[in-house]
Amino acid sequence: MPERRNVLLVDDDRNIAKAVGIRLRAAGYDVHSTYAGPEGVAAATASRPDAIILDVRMPGMSGLDVLEVLQSRPETCNIPVVMLSASLLDEDQAIGRGAEYFLQKPFDPQKLCRAIERVLTQPRADA
């Protein structure tokens, strides 16, 4: 039996987090959710997930700020990140700051699962 991969989900919208969590668990992932940027940084540092799904637009600490912090730390800089945002205007910034993949909300759950699978199986350019 293959090992279940751990995914950290950081999104301030609890309904989206719940829906994404259900979908990813059904696809065979273990999912831990946090609902704010600082919590996401702490959870990523403590648990070192296999991948992170990160909302861009969150109050306080944005997902782009979280991504920047994660990329600056040796213990989290190699964790692949999939960014989510309702605005395509965030895509260039997300990819430019180190996200592996970007999906616009509302997103297709199958595309999200494929994105997670891709970031978990493809070698990173900086690895």
Protein backbone atom coordinates (compact mmCIF):
# COMPACT_ATOMS: atom_id res chain seq x y z
CA MET A 1 0.00 0.00 0.00
CA PRO A 2 1.51 3.35 -1.01
CA GLU A 3 2.29 5.91 1.65
CA ARG A 4 -0.33 8.65 2.08
CA ARG A 5 1.07 12.08 1.29
CA ASN A 6 0.48 15.00 3.65
CA VAL A 7 -0.98 18.23 2.31
CA LEU A 8 -1.29 21.46 4.27
CA LEU A 9 -4.19 23.67 3.21
CA VAL A 10 -4.13 27.36 4.19
CA ASP A 11 -7.33 29.23 3.34
CA ASP A 12 -9.34 31.69 5.44
CA ASP A 13 -12.61 30.54 3.83
CA ARG A 14 -13.59 27.55 5.96
CA ASN A 15 -16.16 26.37 3.41
CA ILE A 16 -13.53 26.19 0.69
CA ALA A 17 -11.10 24.53 3.09
CA LYS A 18 -13.71 21.93 4.02
CA ALA A 19 -14.59 21.19 0.38
CA VAL A 20 -10.95 20.94 -0.67
CA GLY A 21 -10.16 18.75 2.32
CA ILE A 22 -12.98 16.34 1.48
CA ARG A 23 -11.86 16.10 -2.14
CA LEU A 24 -8.18 15.55 -1.31
CA ARG A 25 -8.95 12.96 1.36
CA ALA A 26 -11.09 11.09 -1.17
CA ALA A 27 -8.08 11.18 -3.52
CA GLY A 28 -5.93 9.55 -0.83
CA TYR A 29 -4.16 12.48 0.82
CA ASP A 30 -3.91 13.32 4.50
CA VAL A 31 -4.97 16.95 4.84
CA HIS A 32 -4.39 19.44 7.65
CA SER A 33 -6.10 22.83 7.38
CA THR A 34 -5.25 26.20 8.86
CA TYR A 35 -7.20 29.40 8.33
CA ALA A 36 -4.65 32.22 8.58
CA GLY A 37 -1.19 32.98 7.26
CA PRO A 38 0.77 32.82 10.52
CA GLU A 39 -0.88 29.49 11.42
CA GLY A 40 0.07 28.17 7.99
CA VAL A 41 3.71 29.15 8.45
CA ALA A 42 3.79 27.51 11.89
CA ALA A 43 2.11 24.33 10.62
CA ALA A 44 4.42 24.06 7.61
CA THR A 45 7.48 24.52 9.82
CA ALA A 46 6.29 22.01 12.42
CA SER A 47 4.87 19.27 10.19
CA ARG A 48 6.84 19.67 6.95
CA PRO A 49 4.01 18.57 4.64
CA ASP A 50 4.66 17.03 1.24
CA ALA A 51 2.79 19.92 -0.43
CA ILE A 52 0.96 23.13 0.50
CA ILE A 53 -2.21 24.60 -0.99
CA LEU A 54 -2.22 28.30 -0.23
CA ASP A 55 -4.90 30.93 -0.79
CA VAL A 56 -3.52 34.26 -1.97
CA ARG A 57 -6.12 36.63 -0.54
CA MET A 58 -6.28 36.31 3.25
CA PRO A 59 -6.66 39.05 5.86
CA GLY A 60 -3.59 40.07 7.80
CA MET A 61 -0.85 37.98 6.23
CA SER A 62 -1.55 37.27 2.57
CA GLY A 63 -0.72 34.00 0.90
CA LEU A 64 2.02 35.78 -1.06
CA ASP A 65 3.57 36.88 2.23
CA VAL A 66 3.29 33.33 3.58
CA LEU A 67 4.95 32.00 0.43
CA GLU A 68 7.79 34.48 0.82
CA VAL A 69 8.39 33.38 4.43
CA LEU A 70 8.28 29.70 3.48
CA GLN A 71 10.70 30.23 0.61
CA SER A 72 13.15 32.06 2.89
CA ARG A 73 13.43 29.21 5.42
CA PRO A 74 15.66 26.20 4.78
CA GLU A 75 13.20 23.84 6.48
CA THR A 76 10.27 24.84 4.23
CA CYS A 77 11.79 26.21 1.00
CA ASN A 78 11.61 22.87 -0.82
CA ILE A 79 7.94 22.16 -0.06
CA PRO A 80 5.98 22.61 -3.32
CA VAL A 81 3.17 25.16 -3.16
CA VAL A 82 -0.04 25.36 -5.18
CA MET A 83 -1.56 28.84 -4.98
CA LEU A 84 -5.29 29.59 -5.24
CA SER A 85 -6.83 32.97 -6.04
CA ALA A 86 -9.99 34.42 -7.51
CA SER A 87 -7.82 36.87 -9.46
CA LEU A 88 -5.56 35.91 -12.35
CA LEU A 89 -3.64 39.09 -11.55
CA ASP A 90 -2.02 37.17 -8.67
CA GLU A 91 -0.60 34.43 -10.90
CA ASP A 92 2.62 36.18 -11.96
CA GLN A 93 3.43 37.22 -8.40
CA ALA A 94 2.72 33.73 -7.04
CA ILE A 95 4.89 31.98 -9.62
CA GLY A 96 7.55 34.68 -9.32
CA ARG A 97 7.77 34.14 -5.57
CA GLY A 98 8.21 30.39 -5.88
CA ALA A 99 4.81 28.72 -6.23
CA GLU A 100 4.92 25.61 -8.37
CA TYR A 101 1.36 25.90 -9.64
CA PHE A 102 -1.48 28.44 -9.72
CA LEU A 103 -5.23 27.77 -9.93
CA GLN A 104 -7.93 30.40 -10.27
CA LYS A 105 -11.00 30.17 -8.03
CA PRO A 106 -13.49 28.75 -8.56
CA PHE A 107 -11.38 25.78 -9.54
CA ASP A 108 -12.16 22.33 -10.84
CA PRO A 109 -11.50 19.81 -8.03
CA GLN A 110 -9.99 17.38 -10.55
CA LYS A 111 -7.55 20.05 -11.70
CA LEU A 112 -6.56 20.66 -8.08
CA CYS A 113 -5.88 16.95 -7.54
CA ARG A 114 -3.85 16.82 -10.77
CA ALA A 115 -1.87 19.89 -9.67
CA ILE A 116 -1.05 18.27 -6.33
CA GLU A 117 -0.03 15.05 -8.05
CA ARG A 118 2.20 16.99 -10.45
CA VAL A 119 3.99 18.96 -7.76
CA LEU A 120 4.55 15.80 -5.76
CA THR A 121 5.96 13.77 -8.66
CA GLN A 122 7.88 16.28 -10.74
CA PRO A 123 11.34 17.29 -9.61
CA ARG A 124 11.65 20.92 -8.62
CA ALA A 125 13.82 23.15 -10.74
CA ASP A 126 15.79 24.35 -7.70
CA ALA A 127 16.16 20.91 -6.07
